[in-house]
Amino acid sequence: MRIEIACKYCGTSFEVVPSSTRQYCSRSCGSRKPRWSFHGLTNTPEHRVWRRIRRRCYSPQYHCYHRYGGRGIKVCERWEDFNNFLADMGNRPGPKFTVERIDNDGDYEPSNCKWATMAEQNKNRSNTYTPAEDQAIRDAAAQGYNFKQAAELIGKTYGSVVARAFRIGLKSGQPPRGRKLSDTSQVQNTQGE
């Protein structure tokens, strides 16, 4: 038994067995099929953003790969296709918007991404400090803790705490400037250096 179908390229009718996957009437028509589905959006801001997030996650030569792919962050399988990325994210709201991951340690996926300005994204950085964390650094220094201990106390990296301490006026080995020790119960007593 054979059935008649139309060629996907030229429309000519031809016969195939029902289980066949053939879609073209001849090899010449089959070779003319487009190899890629072009979306016509290659140089749009959304496409450039999509290319950058993929490069951050998959190209070790990319200048900031260590902060993305090097930390295990990846792009979800659905977003391997630009059309799906665009369908999920929509058009960029304005020129100052980029893709923000809501969970800084999460992957690029629809449930974890949104368009945001840099001002909004700066609140989601791993080195952003709250006033309470600044005070915890001051309190730890007032009690004689070193920066490494202060980092462990507030859950930040040593380098980040050193840089932040310098910005709020603390230097290693100097008594803290600013407010007095307010809540000593936050700082647990451990041995110094």
N, C-alpha and C. Protein backbone atom coordinates (compact mmCIF):
# COMPACT_ATOMS: atom_id res chain seq x y z
N MET A 1 0.84 -1.18 0.00
CA MET A 1 0.00 0.00 0.00
C MET A 1 0.89 1.25 0.00
N ARG A 2 0.54 2.23 -0.80
CA ARG A 2 1.28 3.49 -0.89
C ARG A 2 0.29 4.65 -0.73
N ILE A 3 0.82 5.76 -0.23
CA ILE A 3 -0.01 6.96 -0.12
C ILE A 3 0.63 8.08 -0.91
N GLU A 4 -0.17 9.06 -1.27
CA GLU A 4 0.34 10.18 -2.04
C GLU A 4 0.51 11.40 -1.13
N ILE A 5 1.69 12.03 -1.19
CA ILE A 5 1.95 13.26 -0.42
C ILE A 5 2.54 14.31 -1.34
N ALA A 6 2.57 15.56 -0.89
CA ALA A 6 3.14 16.65 -1.68
C ALA A 6 4.55 16.96 -1.18
N CYS A 7 5.44 17.22 -2.12
CA CYS A 7 6.82 17.59 -1.79
C CYS A 7 6.81 18.88 -0.98
N LYS A 8 7.60 18.92 0.08
CA LYS A 8 7.65 20.12 0.93
C LYS A 8 8.31 21.30 0.24
N TYR A 9 9.12 21.03 -0.78
CA TYR A 9 9.82 22.12 -1.44
C TYR A 9 9.06 22.66 -2.65
N CYS A 10 8.70 21.74 -3.59
CA CYS A 10 8.10 22.20 -4.84
C CYS A 10 6.60 21.95 -4.94
N GLY A 11 6.05 21.10 -4.07
CA GLY A 11 4.61 20.85 -4.08
C GLY A 11 4.16 19.73 -4.99
N THR A 12 5.09 19.11 -5.73
CA THR A 12 4.74 18.01 -6.62
C THR A 12 4.28 16.81 -5.80
N SER A 13 3.23 16.11 -6.28
CA SER A 13 2.73 14.92 -5.59
C SER A 13 3.60 13.72 -5.93
N PHE A 14 3.82 12.85 -4.93
CA PHE A 14 4.55 11.60 -5.16
C PHE A 14 4.07 10.59 -4.15
N GLU A 15 4.33 9.30 -4.43
CA GLU A 15 3.83 8.21 -3.59
C GLU A 15 4.93 7.68 -2.68
N VAL A 16 4.54 7.34 -1.44
CA VAL A 16 5.46 6.74 -0.46
C VAL A 16 4.69 5.68 0.32
N VAL A 17 5.43 4.79 0.98
CA VAL A 17 4.78 3.85 1.90
C VAL A 17 4.41 4.63 3.17
N PRO A 18 3.35 4.25 3.87
CA PRO A 18 2.89 5.02 5.03
C PRO A 18 3.94 5.23 6.12
N SER A 19 4.87 4.31 6.28
CA SER A 19 5.87 4.45 7.35
C SER A 19 7.06 5.30 6.93
N SER A 20 7.08 5.82 5.72
CA SER A 20 8.22 6.58 5.21
C SER A 20 8.32 7.95 5.88
N THR A 21 9.55 8.41 6.06
CA THR A 21 9.76 9.76 6.59
C THR A 21 10.14 10.72 5.47
N ARG A 22 10.09 10.25 4.25
CA ARG A 22 10.47 11.06 3.09
C ARG A 22 9.52 12.26 2.96
N GLN A 23 10.07 13.44 2.71
CA GLN A 23 9.25 14.65 2.60
C GLN A 23 9.45 15.37 1.27
N TYR A 24 10.43 14.95 0.47
CA TYR A 24 10.76 15.63 -0.78
C TYR A 24 10.65 14.66 -1.94
N CYS A 25 10.26 15.17 -3.12
CA CYS A 25 10.02 14.30 -4.26
C CYS A 25 11.31 13.77 -4.87
N SER A 26 12.41 14.45 -4.69
CA SER A 26 13.70 14.01 -5.25
C SER A 26 14.84 14.50 -4.40
N ARG A 27 16.03 14.01 -4.69
CA ARG A 27 17.21 14.48 -3.94
C ARG A 27 17.46 15.96 -4.18
N SER A 28 17.19 16.41 -5.39
CA SER A 28 17.46 17.82 -5.68
C SER A 28 16.55 18.73 -4.86
N CYS A 29 15.29 18.33 -4.68
CA CYS A 29 14.40 19.14 -3.82
C CYS A 29 14.84 19.04 -2.36
N GLY A 30 15.25 17.86 -1.93
CA GLY A 30 15.70 17.67 -0.55
C GLY A 30 16.94 18.46 -0.23
N SER A 31 17.82 18.63 -1.23
CA SER A 31 19.05 19.38 -0.97
C SER A 31 18.80 20.87 -0.93
N ARG A 32 17.64 21.31 -1.40
CA ARG A 32 17.32 22.73 -1.39
C ARG A 32 16.65 23.17 -0.09
N LYS A 33 16.30 22.22 0.75
CA LYS A 33 15.63 22.59 2.00
C LYS A 33 16.57 23.46 2.84
N PRO A 34 16.05 24.41 3.57
CA PRO A 34 16.94 25.26 4.38
C PRO A 34 17.57 24.44 5.51
N ARG A 35 18.85 24.61 5.71
CA ARG A 35 19.56 23.88 6.76
C ARG A 35 19.28 24.48 8.13
N TRP A 36 19.07 25.76 8.21
CA TRP A 36 18.81 26.45 9.47
C TRP A 36 17.49 27.18 9.34
N SER A 37 16.79 27.33 10.42
CA SER A 37 15.59 28.16 10.36
C SER A 37 16.02 29.57 10.75
N PHE A 38 16.00 30.46 9.80
CA PHE A 38 16.43 31.82 10.05
C PHE A 38 15.29 32.62 10.66
N HIS A 39 15.62 33.40 11.67
CA HIS A 39 14.61 34.19 12.34
C HIS A 39 14.66 35.65 11.93
N GLY A 40 15.70 36.05 11.23
CA GLY A 40 15.81 37.42 10.78
C GLY A 40 16.10 38.42 11.88
N LEU A 41 16.53 37.93 13.06
CA LEU A 41 16.75 38.82 14.21
C LEU A 41 18.21 38.79 14.68
N THR A 42 19.12 38.43 13.79
CA THR A 42 20.51 38.21 14.19
C THR A 42 21.17 39.43 14.82
N ASN A 43 20.93 40.60 14.32
CA ASN A 43 21.62 41.78 14.87
C ASN A 43 20.75 42.61 15.80
N THR A 44 19.72 42.00 16.36
CA THR A 44 18.86 42.72 17.30
C THR A 44 19.49 42.70 18.69
N PRO A 45 19.12 43.63 19.55
CA PRO A 45 19.65 43.63 20.92
C PRO A 45 19.37 42.33 21.66
N GLU A 46 18.19 41.75 21.44
CA GLU A 46 17.84 40.50 22.12
C GLU A 46 18.76 39.36 21.69
N HIS A 47 19.09 39.31 20.40
CA HIS A 47 19.96 38.24 19.91
C HIS A 47 21.38 38.43 20.45
N ARG A 48 21.84 39.67 20.51
CA ARG A 48 23.18 39.91 21.07
C ARG A 48 23.24 39.51 22.54
N VAL A 49 22.19 39.80 23.31
CA VAL A 49 22.13 39.40 24.72
C VAL A 49 22.17 37.87 24.82
N TRP A 50 21.38 37.19 23.99
CA TRP A 50 21.33 35.73 23.98
C TRP A 50 22.71 35.13 23.67
N ARG A 51 23.38 35.70 22.65
CA ARG A 51 24.73 35.21 22.32
C ARG A 51 25.69 35.41 23.48
N ARG A 52 25.62 36.55 24.15
CA ARG A 52 26.52 36.83 25.28
C ARG A 52 26.31 35.87 26.44
N ILE A 53 25.05 35.59 26.78
CA ILE A 53 24.84 34.69 27.92
C ILE A 53 25.34 33.30 27.59
N ARG A 54 25.21 32.88 26.33
CA ARG A 54 25.73 31.57 25.94
C ARG A 54 27.26 31.57 25.98
N ARG A 55 27.87 32.65 25.53
CA ARG A 55 29.33 32.75 25.55
C ARG A 55 29.86 32.74 26.98
N ARG A 56 29.20 33.46 27.89
CA ARG A 56 29.62 33.49 29.29
C ARG A 56 29.64 32.08 29.90
N CYS A 57 28.68 31.26 29.49
CA CYS A 57 28.53 29.94 30.09
C CYS A 57 29.34 28.86 29.40
N TYR A 58 29.63 28.99 28.11
CA TYR A 58 30.23 27.87 27.37
C TYR A 58 31.59 28.14 26.75
N SER A 59 32.07 29.37 26.75
CA SER A 59 33.34 29.66 26.10
C SER A 59 34.41 30.03 27.13
N PRO A 60 35.33 29.10 27.46
CA PRO A 60 36.38 29.40 28.44
C PRO A 60 37.27 30.57 28.03
N GLN A 61 37.28 30.93 26.76
CA GLN A 61 38.09 32.07 26.31
C GLN A 61 37.41 33.40 26.61
N TYR A 62 36.13 33.39 26.91
CA TYR A 62 35.40 34.62 27.18
C TYR A 62 35.93 35.25 28.47
N HIS A 63 36.09 36.56 28.49
CA HIS A 63 36.78 37.25 29.59
C HIS A 63 36.13 37.04 30.97
N CYS A 64 34.83 36.77 31.04
CA CYS A 64 34.22 36.59 32.36
C CYS A 64 33.63 35.18 32.54
N TYR A 65 34.13 34.22 31.76
CA TYR A 65 33.68 32.83 31.86
C TYR A 65 33.80 32.31 33.29
N HIS A 66 34.85 32.69 34.01
CA HIS A 66 35.08 32.20 35.37
C HIS A 66 33.94 32.56 36.33
N ARG A 67 33.19 33.63 36.02
CA ARG A 67 32.07 34.02 36.88
C ARG A 67 30.76 33.36 36.49
N TYR A 68 30.74 32.65 35.38
CA TYR A 68 29.51 32.02 34.89
C TYR A 68 29.75 30.53 34.66
N GLY A 69 30.17 30.15 33.48
CA GLY A 69 30.41 28.74 33.18
C GLY A 69 31.43 28.11 34.10
N GLY A 70 32.43 28.88 34.51
CA GLY A 70 33.44 28.38 35.43
C GLY A 70 32.88 28.06 36.80
N ARG A 71 31.75 28.65 37.17
CA ARG A 71 31.07 28.36 38.44
C ARG A 71 29.96 27.33 38.27
N GLY A 72 29.80 26.80 37.04
CA GLY A 72 28.77 25.78 36.80
C GLY A 72 27.44 26.33 36.32
N ILE A 73 27.37 27.62 36.05
CA ILE A 73 26.13 28.21 35.56
C ILE A 73 26.01 27.89 34.07
N LYS A 74 24.81 27.49 33.66
CA LYS A 74 24.60 27.13 32.27
C LYS A 74 23.29 27.71 31.76
N VAL A 75 23.07 27.54 30.45
CA VAL A 75 21.84 27.98 29.81
C VAL A 75 20.94 26.76 29.69
N CYS A 76 19.66 26.90 30.04
CA CYS A 76 18.75 25.76 29.97
C CYS A 76 18.64 25.25 28.53
N GLU A 77 18.28 23.99 28.41
CA GLU A 77 18.20 23.36 27.09
C GLU A 77 17.21 24.08 26.18
N ARG A 78 16.11 24.55 26.73
CA ARG A 78 15.10 25.25 25.92
C ARG A 78 15.69 26.49 25.25
N TRP A 79 16.57 27.18 25.95
CA TRP A 79 17.14 28.42 25.41
C TRP A 79 18.31 28.19 24.49
N GLU A 80 18.62 26.95 24.14
CA GLU A 80 19.62 26.71 23.11
C GLU A 80 19.11 27.24 21.77
N ASP A 81 17.80 27.38 21.64
CA ASP A 81 17.17 27.94 20.44
C ASP A 81 16.77 29.39 20.76
N PHE A 82 17.27 30.32 19.96
CA PHE A 82 16.99 31.74 20.19
C PHE A 82 15.49 32.04 20.19
N ASN A 83 14.74 31.37 19.31
CA ASN A 83 13.29 31.63 19.24
C ASN A 83 12.61 31.34 20.58
N ASN A 84 13.04 30.31 21.27
CA ASN A 84 12.47 30.00 22.59
C ASN A 84 12.86 31.06 23.62
N PHE A 85 14.12 31.51 23.57
CA PHE A 85 14.57 32.57 24.46
C PHE A 85 13.70 33.82 24.28
N LEU A 86 13.50 34.19 23.02
CA LEU A 86 12.71 35.39 22.73
C LEU A 86 11.25 35.21 23.14
N ALA A 87 10.70 34.02 22.94
CA ALA A 87 9.30 33.77 23.34
C ALA A 87 9.15 33.87 24.86
N ASP A 88 10.14 33.39 25.61
CA ASP A 88 10.06 33.41 27.07
C ASP A 88 10.34 34.79 27.66
N MET A 89 11.33 35.48 27.12
CA MET A 89 11.75 36.77 27.69
C MET A 89 11.01 37.96 27.08
N GLY A 90 10.57 37.83 25.84
CA GLY A 90 9.95 38.96 25.16
C GLY A 90 11.00 39.95 24.70
N ASN A 91 10.56 41.01 24.05
CA ASN A 91 11.50 42.03 23.58
C ASN A 91 12.08 42.80 24.76
N ARG A 92 13.29 43.27 24.57
CA ARG A 92 13.96 44.06 25.61
C ARG A 92 13.18 45.37 25.80
N PRO A 93 12.83 45.70 27.05
CA PRO A 93 12.01 46.89 27.31
C PRO A 93 12.66 48.21 26.91
N GLY A 94 13.98 48.28 26.91
CA GLY A 94 14.67 49.51 26.57
C GLY A 94 16.16 49.27 26.45
N PRO A 95 16.91 50.26 25.98
CA PRO A 95 18.34 50.05 25.75
C PRO A 95 19.16 49.83 27.02
N LYS A 96 18.65 50.21 28.18
CA LYS A 96 19.42 50.05 29.42
C LYS A 96 19.13 48.72 30.12
N PHE A 97 18.36 47.84 29.50
CA PHE A 97 17.97 46.58 30.12
C PHE A 97 18.84 45.43 29.63
N THR A 98 19.21 44.55 30.57
CA THR A 98 19.91 43.32 30.24
C THR A 98 19.23 42.18 31.02
N VAL A 99 19.64 40.95 30.75
CA VAL A 99 19.05 39.81 31.43
C VAL A 99 19.67 39.68 32.82
N GLU A 100 18.82 39.59 33.82
CA GLU A 100 19.28 39.38 35.20
C GLU A 100 18.83 38.01 35.67
N ARG A 101 19.76 37.28 36.31
CA ARG A 101 19.37 36.04 36.99
C ARG A 101 18.92 36.41 38.39
N ILE A 102 17.72 36.04 38.75
CA ILE A 102 17.15 36.38 40.05
C ILE A 102 17.96 35.73 41.16
N ASP A 103 18.26 34.45 41.01
CA ASP A 103 19.17 33.74 41.92
C ASP A 103 20.55 33.79 41.28
N ASN A 104 21.46 34.53 41.89
CA ASN A 104 22.78 34.75 41.32
C ASN A 104 23.55 33.45 41.10
N ASP A 105 23.19 32.38 41.80
CA ASP A 105 23.87 31.10 41.62
C ASP A 105 23.07 30.16 40.72
N GLY A 106 21.94 30.60 40.20
CA GLY A 106 21.09 29.76 39.36
C GLY A 106 21.45 29.88 37.89
N ASP A 107 20.89 28.98 37.09
CA ASP A 107 21.15 28.95 35.65
C ASP A 107 20.32 30.01 34.93
N TYR A 108 20.67 30.19 33.64
CA TYR A 108 19.85 31.02 32.77
C TYR A 108 18.68 30.16 32.31
N GLU A 109 17.49 30.43 32.83
CA GLU A 109 16.28 29.69 32.49
C GLU A 109 15.09 30.61 32.73
N PRO A 110 13.94 30.32 32.11
CA PRO A 110 12.79 31.24 32.20
C PRO A 110 12.39 31.60 33.63
N SER A 111 12.43 30.65 34.54
CA SER A 111 11.97 30.92 35.90
C SER A 111 12.98 31.73 36.72
N ASN A 112 14.20 31.90 36.22
CA ASN A 112 15.24 32.59 36.98
C ASN A 112 15.72 33.87 36.30
N CYS A 113 15.10 34.28 35.21
CA CYS A 113 15.60 35.45 34.48
C CYS A 113 14.51 36.47 34.23
N LYS A 114 14.94 37.72 34.16
CA LYS A 114 14.04 38.83 33.83
C LYS A 114 14.87 39.95 33.24
N TRP A 115 14.22 40.86 32.55
CA TRP A 115 14.91 42.05 32.06
C TRP A 115 15.04 43.02 33.23
N ALA A 116 16.24 43.60 33.40
CA ALA A 116 16.47 44.53 34.50
C ALA A 116 17.54 45.55 34.10
N THR A 117 17.48 46.71 34.73
CA THR A 117 18.52 47.73 34.50
C THR A 117 19.74 47.38 35.36
N MET A 118 20.85 48.01 35.07
CA MET A 118 22.07 47.75 35.86
C MET A 118 21.86 48.18 37.31
N ALA A 119 21.10 49.24 37.54
CA ALA A 119 20.84 49.67 38.93
C ALA A 119 20.13 48.57 39.70
N GLU A 120 19.17 47.91 39.06
CA GLU A 120 18.46 46.79 39.70
C GLU A 120 19.39 45.61 39.90
N GLN A 121 20.24 45.33 38.90
CA GLN A 121 21.13 44.18 38.98
C GLN A 121 22.21 44.35 40.04
N ASN A 122 22.62 45.57 40.29
CA ASN A 122 23.66 45.79 41.31
C ASN A 122 23.20 45.36 42.70
N LYS A 123 21.91 45.30 42.92
CA LYS A 123 21.39 44.84 44.21
C LYS A 123 21.50 43.33 44.35
N ASN A 124 21.74 42.63 43.25
CA ASN A 124 21.78 41.17 43.23
C ASN A 124 23.20 40.62 43.13
N ARG A 125 24.19 41.46 43.33
CA ARG A 125 25.58 41.02 43.20
C ARG A 125 26.03 40.29 44.45
N SER A 126 27.00 39.40 44.27
CA SER A 126 27.49 38.63 45.41
C SER A 126 28.35 39.49 46.34
N ASN A 127 28.81 40.66 45.89
CA ASN A 127 29.63 41.50 46.76
C ASN A 127 28.88 42.73 47.27
N THR A 128 27.57 42.74 47.20
CA THR A 128 26.76 43.85 47.73
C THR A 128 26.60 43.67 49.24
N TYR A 129 26.78 44.76 49.97
CA TYR A 129 26.69 44.71 51.43
C TYR A 129 25.50 45.51 51.92
N THR A 130 24.82 44.98 52.91
CA THR A 130 23.73 45.69 53.56
C THR A 130 24.31 46.50 54.72
N PRO A 131 23.59 47.49 55.22
CA PRO A 131 24.08 48.22 56.39
C PRO A 131 24.32 47.30 57.59
N ALA A 132 23.51 46.26 57.74
CA ALA A 132 23.71 45.32 58.86
C ALA A 132 25.02 44.55 58.70
N GLU A 133 25.37 44.21 57.47
CA GLU A 133 26.65 43.51 57.24
C GLU A 133 27.84 44.44 57.47
N ASP A 134 27.70 45.72 57.06
CA ASP A 134 28.75 46.70 57.36
C ASP A 134 28.95 46.81 58.88
N GLN A 135 27.84 46.87 59.60
CA GLN A 135 27.93 46.97 61.06
C GLN A 135 28.54 45.71 61.65
N ALA A 136 28.23 44.55 61.10
CA ALA A 136 28.81 43.30 61.60
C ALA A 136 30.33 43.30 61.41
N ILE A 137 30.81 43.88 60.32
CA ILE A 137 32.26 43.98 60.10
C ILE A 137 32.86 44.91 61.16
N ARG A 138 32.21 46.06 61.40
CA ARG A 138 32.70 46.98 62.43
C ARG A 138 32.71 46.32 63.81
N ASP A 139 31.61 45.61 64.13
CA ASP A 139 31.50 44.95 65.43
C ASP A 139 32.59 43.89 65.61
N ALA A 140 32.83 43.13 64.56
CA ALA A 140 33.85 42.07 64.62
C ALA A 140 35.22 42.70 64.83
N ALA A 141 35.50 43.80 64.13
CA ALA A 141 36.78 44.47 64.30
C ALA A 141 36.92 45.04 65.70
N ALA A 142 35.83 45.58 66.25
CA ALA A 142 35.87 46.14 67.60
C ALA A 142 36.16 45.06 68.64
N GLN A 143 35.76 43.84 68.36
CA GLN A 143 36.01 42.75 69.30
C GLN A 143 37.34 42.04 69.03
N GLY A 144 38.09 42.53 68.06
CA GLY A 144 39.41 41.98 67.82
C GLY A 144 39.47 40.86 66.78
N TYR A 145 38.38 40.63 66.06
CA TYR A 145 38.40 39.61 65.03
C TYR A 145 39.18 40.10 63.82
N ASN A 146 39.82 39.18 63.13
CA ASN A 146 40.48 39.56 61.88
C ASN A 146 39.47 39.49 60.74
N PHE A 147 39.87 39.91 59.54
CA PHE A 147 38.94 39.98 58.42
C PHE A 147 38.50 38.59 57.97
N LYS A 148 39.36 37.61 58.11
CA LYS A 148 38.99 36.25 57.73
C LYS A 148 37.86 35.74 58.62
N GLN A 149 37.96 36.00 59.91
CA GLN A 149 36.90 35.59 60.83
C GLN A 149 35.61 36.37 60.56
N ALA A 150 35.75 37.65 60.26
CA ALA A 150 34.57 38.46 59.95
C ALA A 150 33.89 37.93 58.68
N ALA A 151 34.68 37.51 57.70
CA ALA A 151 34.13 36.95 56.46
C ALA A 151 33.33 35.68 56.75
N GLU A 152 33.87 34.82 57.58
CA GLU A 152 33.16 33.59 57.95
C GLU A 152 31.87 33.91 58.71
N LEU A 153 31.94 34.94 59.54
CA LEU A 153 30.79 35.33 60.35
C LEU A 153 29.61 35.80 59.51
N ILE A 154 29.89 36.61 58.49
CA ILE A 154 28.79 37.16 57.70
C ILE A 154 28.56 36.42 56.38
N GLY A 155 29.37 35.41 56.07
CA GLY A 155 29.15 34.60 54.88
C GLY A 155 29.60 35.23 53.58
N LYS A 156 30.67 36.02 53.63
CA LYS A 156 31.23 36.63 52.43
C LYS A 156 32.66 36.12 52.26
N THR A 157 33.25 36.40 51.11
CA THR A 157 34.63 35.98 50.89
C THR A 157 35.59 36.92 51.62
N TYR A 158 36.76 36.41 51.93
CA TYR A 158 37.78 37.19 52.63
C TYR A 158 38.12 38.46 51.83
N GLY A 159 38.38 38.30 50.52
CA GLY A 159 38.75 39.45 49.70
C GLY A 159 37.66 40.51 49.66
N SER A 160 36.42 40.06 49.61
CA SER A 160 35.30 40.98 49.58
C SER A 160 35.20 41.76 50.90
N VAL A 161 35.40 41.08 52.02
CA VAL A 161 35.34 41.74 53.33
C VAL A 161 36.49 42.73 53.49
N VAL A 162 37.68 42.37 53.04
CA VAL A 162 38.82 43.29 53.13
C VAL A 162 38.52 44.55 52.33
N ALA A 163 38.02 44.39 51.09
CA ALA A 163 37.71 45.55 50.26
C ALA A 163 36.61 46.40 50.90
N ARG A 164 35.59 45.75 51.44
CA ARG A 164 34.49 46.49 52.05
C ARG A 164 34.95 47.19 53.33
N ALA A 165 35.76 46.52 54.13
CA ALA A 165 36.27 47.13 55.36
C ALA A 165 37.06 48.40 55.04
N PHE A 166 37.86 48.34 53.99
CA PHE A 166 38.63 49.52 53.58
C PHE A 166 37.68 50.65 53.18
N ARG A 167 36.60 50.33 52.44
CA ARG A 167 35.64 51.35 52.01
C ARG A 167 34.89 51.99 53.17
N ILE A 168 34.66 51.23 54.24
CA ILE A 168 33.93 51.81 55.37
C ILE A 168 34.88 52.37 56.42
N GLY A 169 36.17 52.44 56.10
CA GLY A 169 37.11 53.13 56.96
C GLY A 169 37.90 52.25 57.91
N LEU A 170 37.89 50.95 57.74
CA LEU A 170 38.67 50.06 58.60
C LEU A 170 39.94 49.64 57.89
N LYS A 171 40.99 49.56 58.65
CA LYS A 171 42.24 49.04 58.12
C LYS A 171 42.69 47.92 59.04
N SER A 172 43.38 46.95 58.53
CA SER A 172 43.84 45.83 59.34
C SER A 172 44.71 46.32 60.48
N GLY A 173 44.40 45.90 61.69
CA GLY A 173 45.20 46.27 62.86
C GLY A 173 44.82 47.59 63.48
N GLN A 174 43.83 48.30 62.92
CA GLN A 174 43.41 49.58 63.48
C GLN A 174 42.05 49.43 64.14
N PRO A 175 41.78 50.18 65.20
CA PRO A 175 40.44 50.14 65.79
C PRO A 175 39.44 50.74 64.82
N PRO A 176 38.20 50.27 64.83
CA PRO A 176 37.19 50.75 63.88
C PRO A 176 36.76 52.17 64.15
N ARG A 177 36.43 52.88 63.06
CA ARG A 177 35.83 54.20 63.17
C ARG A 177 34.33 54.05 63.00
N GLY A 178 33.58 55.01 63.42
CA GLY A 178 32.14 54.95 63.20
C GLY A 178 31.40 54.55 64.46
N ARG A 179 30.27 53.89 64.29
CA ARG A 179 29.41 53.57 65.41
C ARG A 179 30.06 52.56 66.34
N LYS A 180 29.63 52.60 67.58
CA LYS A 180 30.13 51.68 68.61
C LYS A 180 29.49 50.31 68.42
N LEU A 181 30.04 49.36 69.11
CA LEU A 181 29.53 48.00 69.09
C LEU A 181 28.08 48.00 69.57
N SER A 182 27.16 47.49 68.72
CA SER A 182 25.74 47.59 69.07
C SER A 182 25.16 46.27 69.52
N ASP A 183 25.49 45.17 68.87
CA ASP A 183 24.89 43.89 69.22
C ASP A 183 25.98 42.83 69.27
N THR A 184 26.52 42.61 70.46
CA THR A 184 27.63 41.66 70.59
C THR A 184 27.18 40.23 70.45
N SER A 185 25.88 39.96 70.52
CA SER A 185 25.42 38.58 70.39
C SER A 185 25.58 38.07 68.96
N GLN A 186 25.73 38.99 67.96
CA GLN A 186 25.91 38.55 66.57
C GLN A 186 27.30 37.96 66.36
N VAL A 187 28.27 38.45 67.08
CA VAL A 187 29.65 38.01 66.88
C VAL A 187 29.99 36.98 67.93
N GLN A 188 30.30 35.77 67.50
CA GLN A 188 30.64 34.71 68.43
C GLN A 188 32.12 34.79 68.76
N ASN A 189 32.45 34.45 69.99
CA ASN A 189 33.83 34.57 70.43
C ASN A 189 34.66 33.39 69.92
N THR A 190 35.66 33.71 69.06
CA THR A 190 36.62 32.72 68.60
C THR A 190 38.00 33.29 68.84
N GLN A 191 39.00 32.47 68.73
CA GLN A 191 40.36 32.96 68.97
C GLN A 191 40.80 33.83 67.82
N GLY A 192 41.69 34.78 68.10
CA GLY A 192 42.22 35.70 67.08
C GLY A 192 43.18 34.97 66.17
N GLU A 193 43.91 35.75 65.43
CA GLU A 193 44.86 35.21 64.47
C GLU A 193 45.87 34.37 65.20
